[in-house]
Amino acid sequence: MTAASSERLSVLLVEPFFTGSHEVWATGWQEHSRHRLHLLTQPGTHWRHRMMAASVPLAQATQEHIARHGAPDVVVASDMVDLAGFLGLCRSELVGVPAVVYFHENQLTQPTSPNGVGGLRDRHLAWTNWRSLLAAEEVWFNSAWQRDSMTDALDDLLAGGPAGDDQRPLLDGVRDHFQVRPVGCDLADLLEVAVPGSDGPPRDPGAATEAPLVLWNHRWAHDKGLDVAVKSMLAVASQGIDFRLAVVGTDDHHDPSRGDKLLEPLGDRVVHRGWLEPERYRQVLAEADVVVASARQENFGISVVEAVAAGCVPVVPDALAYPESISDPTFRYPPGRLTTALRNVLVDLDGFRARCAPLRESLRRFDWSNVATADDDRLQAVVERSGAQRSASARSGAVPGAGTEGEEPR
């Protein structure tokens, strides 16, 4: 980077679904960034409406923000923003301002809900994602898995257009702007948690004889596979293996009792369930011994990264984005083998803890102290490159959007 990399940029971060991992990402980066991040948000509800309509109120908020504070150096928008529509509505205020889009998830590969309208994939929203890719100077993904799976799905989407409208050639150019930028996590305190069997003292000597605590810490949603996890835990319990269970996270079901019905056969093994306050949640992370993932879709996996940083032994699928964070295949299971993998860990917990120590330390790369610095540097590069391109256009006399000689401007 040049000397300018130490300068503070004015960054407008636009997030129409301000909850969950989207909120954690936005506020975490704002807190740890050297740049000045200004957040423009909408509540994290009615996600489909936000994707289709939020560009209008967010554009109005942007215009008001710029009137008071001046234009930003760069815009960063989440995947829930119709970026092409947003930039069109702000075309006067954001002239020459580069834009980056960050994909937490996308509407081409996200599993559809088995309930209601969500059971059908909304191709309109998939096309919205495609237009956002085209409108951005850079496209950031939280994992290589999401980048690659979305690229494959885009090829299919673009091939499905009517005759004479094959947009696939544009995809090669868009790929050049792809970046993998993991989500930052608050791991510093979790990495200091003492783990039984490590060089430090046991976390709680008084609880040394308690059964191991297995943690499932994901959204209670169809794509996270709570039903799969419960089935495996019942199978492990039937083999006489003792454990306690914490099932924590927000409940996305229209019927909140559905999760309780799933857990009922596990009886008093379940010692925590449902959403926890942040402080209590981090206490449970520190108390847990094993973290289980059974997702049908995962583009990063903040909850697993947090749990392993706190000392949990992971039992995760050998698929999706998990190999990028859980790099040791010892802790990943092939399809249909969750029961066997969980049983193996519980009967040799000390052995797996010892093997997990290097993996735990490797997760430090996802701490915000490292991620924010890297993302800040990347934003600086985007701004510098955009400025250089504008300077080159000015020197050549080119006018953005103007037609060639003999043509009317479009």
Protein backbone atom coordinates (compact mmCIF):
# COMPACT_ATOMS: atom_id res chain seq x y z
CA MET A 1 0.00 0.00 0.00
CA THR A 2 1.04 3.60 -0.45
CA ALA A 3 1.51 6.11 2.31
CA ALA A 4 -2.10 7.11 1.73
CA SER A 5 -3.18 3.78 3.23
CA SER A 6 -3.00 5.37 6.69
CA GLU A 7 -5.56 8.03 5.73
CA ARG A 8 -9.07 7.83 7.13
CA LEU A 9 -11.75 7.38 4.52
CA SER A 10 -15.37 8.38 4.84
CA VAL A 11 -17.29 5.14 4.26
CA LEU A 12 -21.05 4.93 3.82
CA LEU A 13 -22.15 1.43 4.86
CA VAL A 14 -25.69 0.63 3.69
CA GLU A 15 -27.51 -2.25 5.40
CA PRO A 16 -31.29 -2.72 4.97
CA PHE A 17 -31.46 -5.86 7.16
CA PHE A 18 -29.83 -4.74 10.39
CA THR A 19 -29.93 -7.87 12.54
CA GLY A 20 -28.02 -11.10 13.11
CA SER A 21 -24.78 -11.57 11.20
CA HIS A 22 -25.48 -8.46 9.12
CA GLU A 23 -25.58 -6.31 12.25
CA VAL A 24 -22.53 -8.03 13.77
CA TRP A 25 -20.56 -7.36 10.59
CA ALA A 26 -21.57 -3.69 10.30
CA THR A 27 -21.11 -2.71 13.94
CA GLY A 28 -17.97 -4.80 14.38
CA TRP A 29 -16.26 -3.22 11.40
CA GLN A 30 -17.38 0.24 12.48
CA GLU A 31 -15.91 -0.30 15.94
CA HIS A 32 -12.55 -1.63 14.74
CA SER A 33 -12.01 0.31 11.51
CA ARG A 34 -9.48 3.11 11.16
CA HIS A 35 -11.89 4.69 8.70
CA ARG A 36 -15.05 6.63 9.54
CA LEU A 37 -17.93 4.26 8.87
CA HIS A 38 -21.37 5.85 8.73
CA LEU A 39 -24.16 3.26 8.96
CA LEU A 40 -27.45 3.70 7.13
CA THR A 41 -29.76 0.87 8.15
CA GLN A 42 -33.30 -0.44 8.25
CA PRO A 43 -34.76 -2.97 10.73
CA GLY A 44 -33.96 -6.64 10.18
CA THR A 45 -37.50 -7.72 9.33
CA HIS A 46 -39.43 -8.50 6.12
CA TRP A 47 -36.27 -9.41 4.24
CA ARG A 48 -37.97 -9.87 0.87
CA HIS A 49 -39.52 -6.41 1.05
CA ARG A 50 -36.15 -4.92 2.04
CA MET A 51 -34.49 -6.40 -1.04
CA MET A 52 -37.19 -5.12 -3.37
CA ALA A 53 -37.95 -1.72 -1.84
CA ALA A 54 -35.31 -0.57 0.67
CA SER A 55 -33.18 1.14 -1.99
CA VAL A 56 -35.73 3.99 -2.03
CA PRO A 57 -35.65 5.05 1.66
CA LEU A 58 -31.94 4.28 1.86
CA ALA A 59 -31.29 6.54 -1.13
CA GLN A 60 -33.29 9.30 0.55
CA ALA A 61 -31.27 8.82 3.75
CA THR A 62 -28.07 8.93 1.70
CA GLN A 63 -29.07 12.20 0.07
CA GLU A 64 -29.82 13.70 3.48
CA HIS A 65 -26.53 12.41 4.90
CA ILE A 66 -24.53 13.86 2.01
CA ALA A 67 -26.31 17.21 2.32
CA ARG A 68 -25.11 17.42 5.93
CA HIS A 69 -21.71 15.72 5.78
CA GLY A 70 -20.60 15.71 2.16
CA ALA A 71 -20.05 12.79 -0.20
CA PRO A 72 -18.29 9.67 1.11
CA ASP A 73 -15.10 8.28 -0.38
CA VAL A 74 -16.70 4.88 -0.93
CA VAL A 75 -20.03 3.09 -0.47
CA VAL A 76 -20.23 -0.43 0.98
CA ALA A 77 -23.59 -2.19 0.63
CA SER A 78 -24.71 -5.58 1.82
CA ASP A 79 -26.21 -8.16 -0.53
CA MET A 80 -29.70 -7.17 0.64
CA VAL A 81 -29.36 -3.84 -1.19
CA ASP A 82 -30.52 -3.47 -4.78
CA LEU A 83 -27.23 -1.71 -5.49
CA ALA A 84 -27.98 -0.82 -9.10
CA GLY A 85 -31.28 0.79 -8.11
CA PHE A 86 -29.73 2.53 -5.11
CA LEU A 87 -26.90 4.05 -7.16
CA GLY A 88 -29.35 5.14 -9.84
CA LEU A 89 -31.43 7.01 -7.27
CA CYS A 90 -28.27 8.68 -5.91
CA ARG A 91 -26.60 9.32 -9.26
CA SER A 92 -26.23 13.07 -8.63
CA GLU A 93 -24.88 12.73 -5.10
CA LEU A 94 -22.51 9.79 -5.71
CA VAL A 95 -20.80 10.84 -8.95
CA GLY A 96 -17.36 9.22 -9.03
CA VAL A 97 -17.85 7.40 -5.69
CA PRO A 98 -16.91 3.71 -5.97
CA ALA A 99 -19.17 1.03 -4.49
CA VAL A 100 -18.43 -2.36 -2.94
CA VAL A 101 -21.09 -5.03 -2.34
CA TYR A 102 -20.61 -7.58 0.46
CA PHE A 103 -22.37 -10.93 0.13
CA HIS A 104 -23.34 -12.59 3.41
CA GLU A 105 -25.66 -14.82 1.39
CA ASN A 106 -27.29 -14.69 -2.02
CA GLN A 107 -30.63 -15.46 -3.61
CA LEU A 108 -29.26 -17.98 -6.10
CA THR A 109 -28.00 -20.64 -3.69
CA GLN A 110 -29.78 -19.96 -0.39
CA PRO A 111 -32.08 -22.94 0.35
CA THR A 112 -35.74 -22.07 -0.04
CA SER A 113 -38.05 -22.34 2.94
CA PRO A 114 -40.47 -25.29 2.99
CA ASN A 115 -43.15 -22.92 4.27
CA GLY A 116 -45.28 -20.49 2.27
CA VAL A 117 -44.05 -18.28 -0.56
CA GLY A 118 -40.43 -18.92 0.40
CA GLY A 119 -40.77 -22.46 -0.91
CA LEU A 120 -40.26 -21.13 -4.44
CA ARG A 121 -37.05 -19.40 -5.45
CA ASP A 122 -37.69 -15.76 -6.33
CA ARG A 123 -35.83 -15.29 -9.61
CA HIS A 124 -36.48 -11.56 -9.44
CA LEU A 125 -34.28 -11.38 -6.33
CA ALA A 126 -31.63 -13.49 -8.03
CA TRP A 127 -31.55 -10.98 -10.88
CA THR A 128 -31.30 -8.21 -8.29
CA ASN A 129 -28.12 -9.85 -6.98
CA TRP A 130 -26.77 -10.04 -10.53
CA ARG A 131 -27.37 -6.35 -11.15
CA SER A 132 -25.62 -5.52 -7.88
CA LEU A 133 -22.58 -7.47 -9.06
CA LEU A 134 -22.50 -5.42 -12.25
CA ALA A 135 -22.93 -2.11 -10.42
CA ALA A 136 -20.09 -2.63 -7.93
CA GLU A 137 -16.41 -1.81 -8.37
CA GLU A 138 -15.62 -4.82 -6.19
CA VAL A 139 -17.66 -7.78 -4.98
CA TRP A 140 -16.77 -9.24 -1.60
CA PHE A 141 -17.82 -12.71 -0.43
CA ASN A 142 -17.50 -14.04 3.10
CA SER A 143 -16.10 -17.34 1.78
CA ALA A 144 -14.68 -18.94 -1.32
CA TRP A 145 -17.49 -21.49 -1.06
CA GLN A 146 -20.13 -18.81 -1.56
CA ARG A 147 -18.15 -17.16 -4.35
CA ASP A 148 -17.81 -20.41 -6.28
CA SER A 149 -21.32 -21.75 -5.69
CA MET A 150 -22.90 -18.42 -6.61
CA THR A 151 -20.78 -18.18 -9.76
CA ASP A 152 -21.98 -21.63 -10.86
CA ALA A 153 -25.59 -20.67 -10.14
CA LEU A 154 -25.20 -17.40 -12.02
CA ASP A 155 -24.08 -19.25 -15.11
CA ASP A 156 -27.33 -21.24 -15.01
CA LEU A 157 -29.44 -18.13 -14.33
CA LEU A 158 -27.93 -16.15 -17.17
CA ALA A 159 -28.26 -19.07 -19.57
CA GLY A 160 -32.01 -19.08 -18.97
CA GLY A 161 -32.71 -15.76 -20.64
CA PRO A 162 -34.66 -15.46 -23.88
CA ALA A 163 -32.97 -15.77 -27.25
CA GLY A 164 -30.71 -12.84 -27.95
CA ASP A 165 -30.25 -11.96 -24.26
CA ASP A 166 -27.35 -14.15 -23.16
CA GLN A 167 -25.56 -12.17 -20.44
CA ARG A 168 -23.05 -14.90 -19.61
CA PRO A 169 -20.16 -13.10 -21.36
CA LEU A 170 -20.44 -10.35 -18.73
CA LEU A 171 -19.73 -12.86 -15.96
CA ASP A 172 -16.07 -13.23 -16.91
CA GLY A 173 -15.50 -9.52 -16.42
CA VAL A 174 -17.36 -9.49 -13.11
CA ARG A 175 -15.21 -12.36 -11.79
CA ASP A 176 -12.17 -10.11 -12.00
CA HIS A 177 -13.68 -7.97 -9.24
CA PHE A 178 -14.35 -10.82 -6.79
CA GLN A 179 -12.66 -10.83 -3.37
CA VAL A 180 -13.00 -13.24 -0.44
CA ARG A 181 -13.23 -11.18 2.76
CA PRO A 182 -14.16 -13.23 5.86
CA VAL A 183 -16.49 -11.80 8.48
CA GLY A 184 -14.73 -10.39 11.52
CA CYS A 185 -15.45 -11.90 14.95
CA ASP A 186 -14.80 -10.76 18.53
CA LEU A 187 -12.44 -13.57 19.52
CA ALA A 188 -9.78 -12.02 21.75
CA ASP A 189 -11.50 -12.85 25.06
CA LEU A 190 -12.71 -16.25 23.85
CA LEU A 191 -9.18 -17.29 22.88
CA GLU A 192 -8.11 -16.68 26.48
CA VAL A 193 -10.61 -19.18 27.92
CA ALA A 194 -8.70 -21.99 29.67
CA VAL A 195 -9.52 -25.46 28.34
CA PRO A 196 -9.31 -28.64 30.47
CA GLY A 197 -6.25 -30.60 29.47
CA SER A 198 -4.38 -27.52 28.24
CA ASP A 199 -1.48 -25.81 29.97
CA GLY A 200 -3.91 -23.59 31.86
CA PRO A 201 -6.12 -24.52 34.82
CA PRO A 202 -9.51 -26.16 34.24
CA ARG A 203 -12.28 -23.70 33.55
CA ASP A 204 -14.32 -24.92 36.52
CA PRO A 205 -12.80 -27.62 38.75
CA GLY A 206 -16.13 -28.04 40.51
CA ALA A 207 -17.78 -29.13 37.27
CA ALA A 208 -15.08 -31.61 36.31
CA THR A 209 -17.36 -34.62 36.84
CA GLU A 210 -20.29 -33.22 34.87
CA ALA A 211 -21.18 -34.77 31.55
CA PRO A 212 -19.70 -32.96 28.53
CA LEU A 213 -21.74 -30.02 27.28
CA VAL A 214 -22.58 -30.24 23.57
CA LEU A 215 -23.48 -26.92 21.95
CA TRP A 216 -25.70 -26.31 18.91
CA ASN A 217 -25.61 -22.53 18.42
CA HIS A 218 -27.35 -21.60 15.20
CA ARG A 219 -30.58 -20.04 13.99
CA TRP A 220 -33.51 -22.39 14.48
CA ALA A 221 -34.20 -22.40 10.75
CA HIS A 222 -34.69 -25.09 8.13
CA ASP A 223 -31.29 -24.51 6.52
CA LYS A 224 -29.38 -25.03 9.80
CA GLY A 225 -30.62 -28.59 10.29
CA LEU A 226 -31.65 -28.76 13.94
CA ASP A 227 -33.70 -31.84 13.05
CA VAL A 228 -30.56 -33.58 11.76
CA ALA A 229 -28.61 -32.72 14.91
CA VAL A 230 -31.36 -33.93 17.25
CA LYS A 231 -31.65 -37.24 15.40
CA SER A 232 -27.91 -37.85 15.80
CA MET A 233 -27.90 -36.83 19.46
CA LEU A 234 -30.73 -39.24 20.19
CA ALA A 235 -28.75 -41.99 18.46
CA VAL A 236 -25.65 -41.18 20.54
CA ALA A 237 -27.71 -41.11 23.74
CA SER A 238 -29.17 -44.53 22.88
CA GLN A 239 -25.62 -45.91 22.98
CA GLY A 240 -25.35 -44.98 26.66
CA ILE A 241 -23.03 -42.01 26.13
CA ASP A 242 -23.68 -39.23 28.63
CA PHE A 243 -23.78 -35.58 27.59
CA ARG A 244 -25.66 -32.36 28.24
CA LEU A 245 -27.00 -30.17 25.47
CA ALA A 246 -27.31 -26.42 24.88
CA VAL A 247 -29.42 -25.43 21.87
CA VAL A 248 -29.16 -21.66 21.62
CA GLY A 249 -30.02 -19.14 18.93
CA THR A 250 -32.94 -17.21 17.50
CA ASP A 251 -36.07 -19.10 16.43
CA ASP A 252 -37.01 -18.42 12.80
CA HIS A 253 -40.01 -20.74 12.78
CA HIS A 254 -43.50 -19.34 12.43
CA ASP A 255 -44.41 -21.85 15.15
CA PRO A 256 -41.97 -21.29 18.06
CA SER A 257 -43.04 -24.57 19.65
CA ARG A 258 -41.57 -26.56 16.76
CA GLY A 259 -38.06 -26.38 18.19
CA ASP A 260 -39.32 -27.42 21.60
CA LYS A 261 -41.08 -30.42 20.07
CA LEU A 262 -37.84 -31.49 18.40
CA LEU A 263 -35.94 -31.25 21.68
CA GLU A 264 -38.57 -32.94 23.85
CA PRO A 265 -37.20 -36.51 23.40
CA LEU A 266 -33.83 -35.37 24.78
CA GLY A 267 -35.48 -34.52 28.09
CA ASP A 268 -33.34 -33.12 30.87
CA ARG A 269 -30.16 -33.42 28.82
CA VAL A 270 -31.18 -30.01 27.43
CA VAL A 271 -29.81 -27.46 29.90
CA HIS A 272 -30.09 -24.32 27.72
CA ARG A 273 -32.46 -23.52 24.87
CA GLY A 274 -33.41 -20.48 22.85
CA TRP A 275 -31.93 -17.02 22.61
CA LEU A 276 -29.47 -15.81 25.27
CA GLU A 277 -28.30 -12.32 26.15
CA PRO A 278 -24.82 -11.70 24.65
CA GLU A 279 -22.99 -11.91 27.98
CA ARG A 280 -24.72 -15.15 28.95
CA TYR A 281 -24.16 -16.55 25.47
CA ARG A 282 -20.42 -16.02 25.76
CA GLN A 283 -20.49 -17.73 29.15
CA VAL A 284 -22.13 -20.76 27.58
CA LEU A 285 -19.48 -20.75 24.84
CA ALA A 286 -16.83 -20.94 27.55
CA GLU A 287 -18.67 -23.72 29.40
CA ALA A 288 -19.28 -25.92 26.34
CA ASP A 289 -17.00 -28.81 25.34
CA VAL A 290 -18.18 -29.68 21.83
CA VAL A 291 -19.88 -27.60 19.12
CA VAL A 292 -22.00 -29.35 16.49
CA ALA A 293 -23.05 -28.03 13.09
CA SER A 294 -25.60 -29.80 10.89
CA ALA A 295 -26.32 -27.07 8.35
CA ARG A 296 -27.68 -27.62 4.89
CA GLN A 297 -26.28 -24.23 3.93
CA GLU A 298 -23.46 -22.20 5.50
CA ASN A 299 -21.53 -19.41 3.84
CA PHE A 300 -19.17 -18.70 6.74
CA GLY A 301 -20.16 -19.95 10.21
CA ILE A 302 -19.57 -17.25 12.84
CA SER A 303 -21.11 -19.37 15.58
CA VAL A 304 -18.71 -22.27 15.03
CA VAL A 305 -15.68 -19.96 14.85
CA GLU A 306 -16.70 -18.35 18.16
CA ALA A 307 -17.25 -21.71 19.85
CA VAL A 308 -13.93 -23.20 18.73
CA ALA A 309 -12.13 -20.02 19.79
CA ALA A 310 -13.68 -20.54 23.24
CA GLY A 311 -12.24 -24.06 23.40
CA CYS A 312 -14.98 -26.27 21.92
CA VAL A 313 -14.09 -29.27 19.81
CA PRO A 314 -15.93 -28.85 16.47
CA VAL A 315 -18.00 -31.54 14.76
CA VAL A 316 -18.95 -29.99 11.42
CA PRO A 317 -19.81 -31.11 7.87
CA ASP A 318 -16.97 -31.68 5.44
CA ALA A 319 -18.78 -29.37 3.04
CA LEU A 320 -20.06 -25.85 2.46
CA ALA A 321 -17.76 -23.14 3.92
CA TYR A 322 -16.59 -25.19 6.91
CA PRO A 323 -13.26 -26.40 5.42
CA GLU A 324 -12.17 -22.75 5.15
CA SER A 325 -12.38 -22.16 8.91
CA ILE A 326 -12.13 -25.71 10.27
CA SER A 327 -9.06 -26.54 8.23
CA ASP A 328 -8.19 -29.82 10.02
CA PRO A 329 -10.29 -32.63 8.46
CA THR A 330 -10.16 -34.47 11.79
CA PHE A 331 -13.09 -32.34 12.90
CA ARG A 332 -15.21 -32.64 9.74
CA TYR A 333 -17.59 -35.49 8.98
CA PRO A 334 -18.76 -36.81 5.58
CA PRO A 335 -22.46 -36.86 4.64
CA GLY A 336 -24.57 -39.02 6.94
CA ARG A 337 -21.82 -39.55 9.53
CA LEU A 338 -22.67 -36.98 12.20
CA THR A 339 -23.69 -39.64 14.74
CA THR A 340 -20.40 -41.50 14.39
CA ALA A 341 -18.33 -38.31 14.49
CA LEU A 342 -20.07 -36.99 17.61
CA ARG A 343 -19.76 -40.33 19.38
CA ASN A 344 -16.03 -40.52 18.60
CA VAL A 345 -15.42 -37.07 20.07
CA LEU A 346 -17.42 -37.71 23.23
CA VAL A 347 -15.64 -40.98 24.05
CA ASP A 348 -12.18 -39.42 23.55
CA LEU A 349 -12.77 -35.79 24.45
CA ASP A 350 -9.30 -35.18 25.92
CA GLY A 351 -7.62 -36.58 22.82
CA PHE A 352 -9.66 -34.42 20.48
CA ARG A 353 -9.07 -31.35 22.66
CA ALA A 354 -5.32 -31.82 22.34
CA ARG A 355 -5.57 -32.13 18.56
CA CYS A 356 -7.80 -29.06 18.42
CA ALA A 357 -5.28 -26.66 20.01
CA PRO A 358 -3.52 -25.64 16.74
CA LEU A 359 -6.88 -25.20 14.99
CA ARG A 360 -8.10 -22.97 17.79
CA GLU A 361 -5.05 -20.73 17.50
CA SER A 362 -5.43 -20.52 13.72
CA LEU A 363 -8.82 -18.84 14.14
CA ARG A 364 -7.10 -15.72 15.42
CA ARG A 365 -7.01 -14.62 11.78
CA PHE A 366 -10.77 -14.01 12.00
CA ASP A 367 -10.52 -11.64 14.95
CA TRP A 368 -11.62 -8.11 14.11
CA SER A 369 -8.14 -6.81 14.95
CA ASN A 370 -6.91 -8.59 11.82
CA VAL A 371 -10.00 -8.54 9.59
CA ALA A 372 -10.71 -4.82 9.99
CA THR A 373 -7.15 -3.89 9.08
CA ALA A 374 -7.25 -6.04 5.95
CA ASP A 375 -10.68 -4.76 4.91
CA ASP A 376 -9.65 -1.15 5.56
CA ASP A 377 -6.59 -1.62 3.36
CA ARG A 378 -8.71 -3.15 0.63
CA LEU A 379 -11.15 -0.24 0.70
CA GLN A 380 -8.22 2.15 0.41
CA ALA A 381 -7.06 0.27 -2.68
CA VAL A 382 -10.55 0.50 -4.21
CA VAL A 383 -10.64 4.26 -3.66
CA GLU A 384 -7.11 4.78 -5.01
CA ARG A 385 -7.82 2.69 -8.10
CA SER A 386 -11.09 4.52 -8.74
CA GLY A 387 -9.33 7.87 -8.43
CA ALA A 388 -6.59 6.78 -10.81
CA GLN A 389 -9.19 5.66 -13.36
CA ARG A 390 -11.02 8.99 -13.13
CA SER A 391 -7.74 10.85 -13.59
CA ALA A 392 -6.89 8.77 -16.64
CA SER A 393 -10.34 9.44 -18.12
CA ALA A 394 -9.93 13.16 -17.51
CA ARG A 395 -6.53 13.20 -19.21
CA SER A 396 -7.92 11.37 -22.24
CA GLY A 397 -10.90 13.69 -22.44
CA ALA A 398 -13.37 10.82 -21.99
CA VAL A 399 -16.71 11.65 -20.46
CA PRO A 400 -18.30 8.77 -18.53
CA GLY A 401 -21.62 7.78 -20.15
CA ALA A 402 -20.98 9.74 -23.36
CA GLY A 403 -21.35 8.10 -26.74
CA THR A 404 -18.63 7.78 -29.35
CA GLU A 405 -18.30 10.25 -32.22
CA GLY A 406 -21.45 10.32 -34.29
CA GLU A 407 -23.56 8.75 -31.56
CA GLU A 408 -26.03 10.30 -29.20
CA PRO A 409 -25.11 9.87 -25.52
CA ARG A 410 -27.08 7.06 -23.95
